[in-house]
Protein backbone atom coordinates (compact mmCIF):
# COMPACT_ATOMS: atom_id res chain seq x y z
CA MET A 1 2.20 -18.32 14.05
CA SER A 2 4.79 -17.65 11.79
CA ALA A 3 6.55 -14.37 11.59
CA GLU A 4 6.91 -14.32 8.23
CA ARG A 5 3.50 -15.66 6.73
CA PRO A 6 1.31 -13.08 5.83
CA ARG A 7 -1.95 -12.99 7.95
CA ARG A 8 -5.36 -11.45 8.14
CA TYR A 9 -6.83 -9.29 10.66
CA ALA A 10 -10.34 -9.04 11.98
CA TYR A 11 -10.72 -5.22 12.49
CA LEU A 12 -11.77 -4.43 16.31
CA HIS A 13 -14.54 -6.85 15.85
CA GLN A 14 -15.54 -5.12 12.55
CA LYS A 15 -16.17 -6.96 9.16
CA THR A 16 -13.11 -5.70 7.84
CA ILE A 17 -10.19 -7.35 7.10
CA PHE A 18 -6.28 -6.70 6.93
CA TYR A 19 -3.72 -8.49 4.46
CA ARG A 20 -0.11 -7.75 3.91
CA GLU A 21 2.47 -9.16 1.68
CA PRO A 22 6.15 -8.40 1.14
CA VAL A 23 6.94 -6.54 -1.66
CA ARG A 24 10.31 -4.88 -1.82
CA ARG A 25 13.76 -5.73 0.16
CA HIS A 26 16.53 -3.55 0.79
CA SER A 27 19.73 -4.56 2.54
CA THR A 28 22.05 -2.15 4.01
CA GLY A 29 25.14 -2.53 6.35
CA LEU A 30 24.91 -5.31 8.90
CA LEU A 31 21.66 -6.59 9.08
CA GLN A 32 18.54 -6.10 6.61
CA GLN A 33 16.18 -3.67 6.59
CA THR A 34 12.83 -4.34 4.53
CA THR A 35 10.05 -2.18 3.56
CA TYR A 36 6.04 -3.97 3.03
CA THR A 37 3.24 -2.29 1.44
CA LEU A 38 -0.22 -3.83 1.07
CA GLU A 39 -1.73 -5.85 -1.24
CA ARG A 40 -5.25 -5.77 -1.81
CA ASP A 41 -7.03 -9.68 -2.64
CA THR A 42 -9.47 -9.23 -5.83
CA GLY A 43 -12.78 -9.80 -4.72
CA ALA A 44 -12.41 -9.33 -1.08
CA CYS A 45 -13.36 -6.07 1.41
CA TYR A 46 -9.82 -5.04 2.98
CA ASN A 47 -8.95 -2.46 4.71
CA GLU A 48 -5.93 -0.71 3.51
CA ALA A 49 -4.05 -0.63 7.26
CA MET A 50 -2.44 -2.79 9.18
CA ILE A 51 -2.46 -2.08 12.83
CA VAL A 52 1.23 -0.22 14.04
CA ASP A 53 2.19 0.07 17.68
CA PHE A 54 4.23 2.87 17.55
CA HIS A 55 5.83 2.37 21.48
CA THR A 56 7.25 -0.78 22.29
CA HIS A 57 10.05 -1.84 24.45
CA VAL A 58 11.76 -5.26 24.62
CA PHE A 59 14.91 -6.22 26.34
CA PRO A 60 17.57 -8.69 26.12
CA PRO A 61 16.72 -12.02 28.50
CA ARG A 62 20.00 -11.62 30.24
CA MET A 63 18.65 -8.00 31.19
CA LYS A 64 15.27 -9.62 32.46
CA GLU A 65 16.48 -12.19 34.24
CA ASP A 66 18.95 -10.50 35.91
CA ARG A 67 17.41 -6.83 36.52
CA HIS A 68 19.07 -6.28 39.92
CA ARG A 69 22.40 -5.97 38.44
CA TYR A 70 21.56 -3.52 36.04
CA ALA A 71 19.84 -1.56 38.21
CA GLN A 72 22.31 -1.49 40.77
CA ALA A 73 24.80 0.11 37.55
CA ASP A 74 22.41 2.12 35.94
CA ALA A 75 20.35 5.19 37.94
CA GLY A 76 17.97 5.50 34.55
CA PHE A 77 17.33 1.84 34.26
CA ALA A 78 16.44 1.76 38.36
CA ARG A 79 13.95 4.63 38.63
CA LEU A 80 11.71 2.32 35.65
CA TYR A 81 12.48 -1.32 36.25
CA SER A 82 13.95 -1.86 39.76
CA SER A 83 11.11 -3.26 41.37
CA PRO A 84 10.35 -7.13 40.14
CA ARG A 85 6.87 -5.95 39.70
CA ALA A 86 7.83 -3.60 36.65
CA ARG A 87 6.89 -5.30 33.59
CA MET A 88 9.92 -5.91 31.12
CA ALA A 89 9.30 -8.36 27.63
CA THR A 90 11.75 -9.94 25.20
CA ALA A 91 11.01 -9.47 21.72
CA ASP A 92 9.97 -13.43 21.21
CA GLU A 93 7.12 -12.32 24.15
CA LEU A 94 6.32 -9.37 22.51
CA VAL A 95 5.71 -11.00 18.92
CA SER A 96 3.39 -13.37 21.17
CA ARG A 97 1.57 -10.77 22.49
CA MET A 98 0.99 -9.30 19.30
CA ASP A 99 -0.50 -12.48 17.45
CA ARG A 100 -2.33 -12.37 20.74
CA ASP A 101 -4.16 -8.83 20.15
CA GLY A 102 -4.07 -8.80 16.73
CA VAL A 103 -1.06 -6.03 15.96
CA ASP A 104 0.73 -6.35 12.73
CA VAL A 105 3.87 -4.18 13.45
CA SER A 106 4.81 -2.74 16.22
CA VAL A 107 8.21 -0.08 16.79
CA ILE A 108 10.57 -1.16 19.58
CA LEU A 109 12.08 1.62 21.57
CA ASN A 110 15.60 1.97 23.83
CA GLY A 111 15.57 4.18 26.50
CA GLY A 112 17.39 6.95 28.03
CA TRP A 113 20.38 4.96 29.70
CA ALA A 114 22.93 6.51 32.05
CA THR A 115 25.39 3.98 30.63
CA ALA A 116 26.68 3.60 27.47
CA ASP A 117 27.53 0.17 27.35
CA PHE A 118 23.82 -1.20 28.65
CA CYS A 119 22.85 1.37 26.01
CA ALA A 120 24.73 -0.46 23.20
CA GLU A 121 23.56 -4.12 24.49
CA VAL A 122 19.93 -3.01 24.18
CA ASN A 123 20.51 -1.74 20.40
CA ASP A 124 22.37 -4.46 19.45
CA TYR A 125 19.23 -6.97 21.10
CA ILE A 126 16.42 -4.47 18.73
CA LEU A 127 18.51 -4.96 15.67
CA GLU A 128 19.09 -8.73 16.02
CA SER A 129 15.22 -8.92 17.47
CA VAL A 130 13.95 -6.84 13.64
CA ALA A 131 16.64 -8.93 11.69
CA ARG A 132 14.37 -12.11 13.27
CA TYR A 133 11.37 -10.79 12.88
CA PRO A 134 11.77 -8.56 9.83
CA ARG A 135 8.08 -8.38 9.00
CA ARG A 136 6.72 -7.62 12.75
CA LEU A 137 9.25 -5.31 14.30
CA VAL A 138 10.72 -1.88 13.57
CA GLY A 139 13.62 -0.73 15.25
CA PHE A 140 14.65 2.71 16.85
CA CYS A 141 17.99 3.14 19.01
CA ALA A 142 19.21 5.27 21.52
CA PRO A 143 22.30 7.07 21.53
CA PRO A 144 24.60 6.78 24.89
CA LEU A 145 23.89 10.59 25.82
CA ALA A 146 25.36 12.09 28.84
CA THR A 147 23.19 12.99 31.74
CA GLY A 148 25.59 15.51 33.41
CA ASP A 149 25.42 18.88 32.39
CA VAL A 150 28.80 18.76 30.15
CA THR A 151 29.14 16.31 27.70
CA SER A 152 32.52 15.78 25.68
CA PRO A 153 33.71 16.14 22.44
CA GLN A 154 34.45 12.31 22.85
CA ALA A 155 31.11 11.52 24.29
CA ARG A 156 29.46 13.16 21.42
CA GLU A 157 31.10 11.65 18.86
CA ALA A 158 30.58 8.19 20.82
CA ALA A 159 26.96 8.89 20.61
CA VAL A 160 26.78 9.92 16.59
CA ARG A 161 29.19 6.81 15.59
CA GLU A 162 26.39 4.68 17.94
CA VAL A 163 23.50 6.19 16.03
CA GLU A 164 25.14 5.74 12.55
CA ARG A 165 26.09 1.92 13.68
CA CYS A 166 21.98 1.30 14.68
CA VAL A 167 21.16 2.91 11.40
CA ALA A 168 23.75 0.51 9.05
CA GLY A 169 22.37 -2.30 10.66
CA GLY A 170 18.48 -1.36 10.07
CA ALA A 171 17.38 1.21 12.84
CA ARG A 172 14.82 3.33 11.33
CA GLY A 173 14.60 6.11 14.08
CA VAL A 174 15.61 7.19 17.11
CA GLY A 175 13.70 6.95 21.07
CA GLU A 176 12.92 6.84 23.46
CA LEU A 177 14.96 10.06 23.99
CA ARG A 178 14.43 11.70 27.69
CA PRO A 179 14.96 15.29 27.43
CA ASP A 180 14.48 16.15 30.96
CA THR A 181 17.96 13.84 31.63
CA GLN A 182 19.45 13.94 27.95
CA MET A 183 19.17 17.45 26.94
CA LEU A 184 20.28 19.43 29.94
CA GLN A 185 22.28 21.93 28.60
CA GLY A 186 19.17 22.96 26.16
CA PRO A 187 18.09 21.99 22.56
CA GLU A 188 21.06 23.90 20.58
CA ALA A 189 23.83 21.84 22.76
CA PRO A 190 26.59 20.46 20.55
CA ASP A 191 25.59 16.69 21.41
CA ILE A 192 21.63 17.58 20.47
CA ARG A 193 22.99 19.44 17.49
CA ALA A 194 25.01 16.41 16.23
CA LEU A 195 22.58 14.24 17.06
CA VAL A 196 20.28 16.05 15.00
CA GLU A 197 22.69 16.12 11.66
CA VAL A 198 22.36 12.56 12.02
CA ILE A 199 18.54 12.04 12.42
CA ARG A 200 18.14 14.68 9.18
CA LYS A 201 21.20 12.63 6.99
CA HIS A 202 19.22 9.59 7.59
CA ARG A 203 15.75 11.04 7.31
CA LEU A 204 15.28 9.21 10.57
CA VAL A 205 12.14 9.81 13.13
CA LEU A 206 13.02 11.11 16.74
CA LEU A 207 10.55 9.87 19.38
CA VAL A 208 11.03 11.65 22.98
CA HIS A 209 9.48 10.72 26.21
CA THR A 210 7.32 13.89 27.72
CA SER A 211 5.33 14.13 31.23
CA GLU A 212 2.36 15.88 32.68
CA PRO A 213 3.89 19.51 34.12
CA VAL A 214 0.84 18.11 36.58
CA GLY A 215 -0.95 15.73 37.86
CA HIS A 216 -0.14 12.12 40.06
CA VAL A 217 3.50 11.27 40.02
CA TYR A 218 4.89 7.70 38.59
CA ALA A 219 8.06 5.83 38.17
CA GLY A 220 9.87 7.38 35.19
CA LYS A 221 7.53 10.65 34.90
CA GLY A 222 10.20 13.16 35.05
CA LYS A 223 9.61 16.58 33.99
CA ALA A 224 9.81 16.27 29.99
CA THR A 225 6.77 18.79 29.88
CA PRO A 226 5.20 20.25 27.51
CA ASP A 227 7.68 23.69 27.39
CA VAL A 228 11.03 21.50 27.33
CA VAL A 229 10.14 19.27 24.50
CA TYR A 230 8.27 22.24 22.62
CA SER A 231 11.85 24.19 22.68
CA LEU A 232 13.62 21.01 21.02
CA ILE A 233 10.35 20.99 18.38
CA THR A 234 11.08 24.42 17.31
CA ALA A 235 14.71 24.57 17.42
CA TYR A 236 14.35 21.77 14.73
CA PRO A 237 11.31 22.43 12.95
CA ASP A 238 12.23 19.90 10.02
CA VAL A 239 12.60 16.49 12.02
CA ARG A 240 9.99 14.74 12.62
CA VAL A 241 8.97 14.56 16.26
CA VAL A 242 6.64 11.88 17.82
CA CYS A 243 5.94 13.30 21.29
CA ALA A 244 4.97 9.90 23.61
CA HIS A 245 2.45 10.09 26.02
CA TRP A 246 0.31 12.59 24.32
CA GLY A 247 3.19 14.96 24.26
CA GLY A 248 2.25 15.56 28.33
CA GLY A 249 -0.65 17.66 27.35
CA LEU A 250 1.24 19.83 24.32
CA PRO A 251 -0.99 19.07 22.25
CA PHE A 252 -3.90 21.55 24.21
CA TYR A 253 -1.61 24.36 23.18
CA ALA A 254 -2.33 23.90 19.57
CA LEU A 255 -4.93 26.74 21.05
CA MET A 256 -2.60 29.19 20.74
CA PRO A 257 -1.85 29.88 16.88
CA GLU A 258 1.87 30.01 16.88
CA VAL A 259 1.88 26.96 18.44
CA LYS A 260 0.10 24.97 16.20
CA GLU A 261 2.14 26.52 13.67
CA GLY A 262 5.16 25.10 15.52
CA LEU A 263 3.72 21.54 15.51
CA THR A 264 4.15 21.05 11.71
CA ASN A 265 5.98 17.73 12.13
CA THR A 266 5.48 16.63 15.18
CA TYR A 267 2.99 13.62 16.56
CA PHE A 268 1.90 12.53 19.65
CA ASP A 269 1.71 8.97 20.53
CA THR A 270 -0.96 6.93 22.97
CA ALA A 271 1.48 5.34 24.89
CA ALA A 272 -0.31 5.09 28.78
CA SER A 273 -3.13 6.67 28.00
CA PRO A 274 -5.38 4.71 30.31
CA PHE A 275 -2.36 5.47 33.06
CA LEU A 276 -2.95 9.49 32.07
CA TYR A 277 -6.31 10.39 30.71
CA THR A 278 -10.14 9.76 30.40
CA PRO A 279 -10.66 8.32 26.32
CA GLN A 280 -12.20 12.01 25.84
CA VAL A 281 -8.61 12.53 25.12
CA TYR A 282 -8.91 11.43 21.85
CA ARG A 283 -11.12 13.51 20.33
CA ALA A 284 -10.29 16.19 21.95
CA VAL A 285 -6.50 15.89 20.39
CA ALA A 286 -8.39 15.07 16.77
CA ASP A 287 -9.95 18.16 16.87
CA LEU A 288 -7.14 20.39 18.35
CA VAL A 289 -4.42 19.10 15.97
CA GLY A 290 -6.01 16.45 14.01
CA ALA A 291 -6.22 12.73 13.91
CA GLU A 292 -3.73 12.47 11.53
CA LYS A 293 -1.18 13.71 14.11
CA VAL A 294 -1.93 10.83 16.42
CA LEU A 295 -0.05 7.16 16.96
CA PHE A 296 -1.36 4.12 18.58
CA GLY A 297 1.43 3.53 21.03
CA SER A 298 0.65 0.91 23.81
CA ASP A 299 3.85 1.35 25.87
CA CYS A 300 3.44 -2.26 26.17
CA PRO A 301 4.73 -4.43 28.04
CA LEU A 302 3.20 -1.73 30.85
CA LEU A 303 0.10 -2.12 29.25
CA PRO A 304 -1.61 -4.87 27.06
CA GLN A 305 -1.98 -3.74 23.50
CA LYS A 306 -5.41 -5.12 23.23
CA ARG A 307 -6.23 -2.46 26.05
CA LEU A 308 -5.62 0.49 23.77
CA LEU A 309 -7.06 -0.77 20.68
CA THR A 310 -10.29 -1.67 22.97
CA GLU A 311 -10.29 2.22 24.14
CA ILE A 312 -9.47 3.44 20.71
CA ALA A 313 -12.55 1.47 19.36
CA SER A 314 -15.10 3.39 21.45
CA ALA A 315 -12.95 6.89 21.24
CA GLY A 316 -15.76 8.94 19.03
CA LEU A 317 -13.50 8.88 16.13
CA SER A 318 -14.51 8.20 12.47
CA ARG A 319 -13.74 4.43 10.63
CA GLU A 320 -11.29 7.21 8.63
CA GLU A 321 -9.69 8.66 11.90
CA LYS A 322 -8.75 5.13 13.40
CA GLU A 323 -7.53 4.14 10.60
CA LEU A 324 -5.24 7.17 10.34
CA VAL A 325 -4.16 6.51 14.00
CA LEU A 326 -3.46 2.96 13.93
CA SER A 327 -1.92 2.27 10.68
CA GLY A 328 -1.89 5.58 8.08
CA ASN A 329 0.21 7.87 9.93
CA ALA A 330 2.61 5.13 10.95
CA SER A 331 2.55 4.00 7.73
CA ARG A 332 3.51 7.45 6.27
CA LEU A 333 6.39 8.09 9.33
CA LEU A 334 7.81 4.91 8.40
CA GLY A 335 7.96 4.99 4.81
CA MET A 336 5.34 2.09 4.66
CA GLY A 337 3.49 2.08 1.19
CA THR A 338 -0.37 1.15 0.31
CA GLY A 339 -1.21 -1.32 -2.12
């Protein structure tokens, strides 16, 4: 299927149909950045939403083919992808999976690299992929933040320049930031403050990795627990933060009134949910913080997008809540209008 042709989808085996059409193009910097809205055909019943996966990862083909070399040189990459069984995907492979599973748009994320050159290599690939698939992919970039206890002014400036370069190339957000390895001096350290200023300047979305303080251990879990992430959120309450993997359980602390108040600009994606929680988590989190705070994210290629879509379809959410989770919230965050 052509990446440029408007498409129609059946909505989770229901009769509602999606349609999307480009209505405006805006170019900045090195690569094109395009905003789309939804157009409804008269005489047909259309859902005012398209399916947006807010959490996927892609890698350059050479990185996928030679993962051993990258794993030897970068400890962060090695923790997640040194095993040949660890799933990696190129942008072309991701779009093919989107076609198969009925996903309109995917946010493609970078990760928490320990090596600046590798971080920039994936940023470049993300920007190139968005340029090739402007109607299917939305790019988030990663700053080359040092993983040591001290970040030099030179490294801090390099991180800011890299994010500025990516924004000029069409990046719409920063992520997946790892607070447990890239925020070792706390949320108000000079390098984090400098990053936040760029995020504020360009009204970017910040997506952070989170993990549970209890439960089973898994590759890449880390120690980005609710207390660590909450300290970042409250330090910069005006920044829109998406906490991956249900925020490591942070929504459950919304039973504390002061915590709920602090989550005004905070969202939670469902990435890897079947590996972490029972399906009751959807209803529980929607009740605690509101369905308007939940974003469909698959963590593809770790999990097939269809697996999450099937789970959401039977999670006990109302039709309106499903539309928010699958599209409405993401459209609002990314500046996608509705017709």
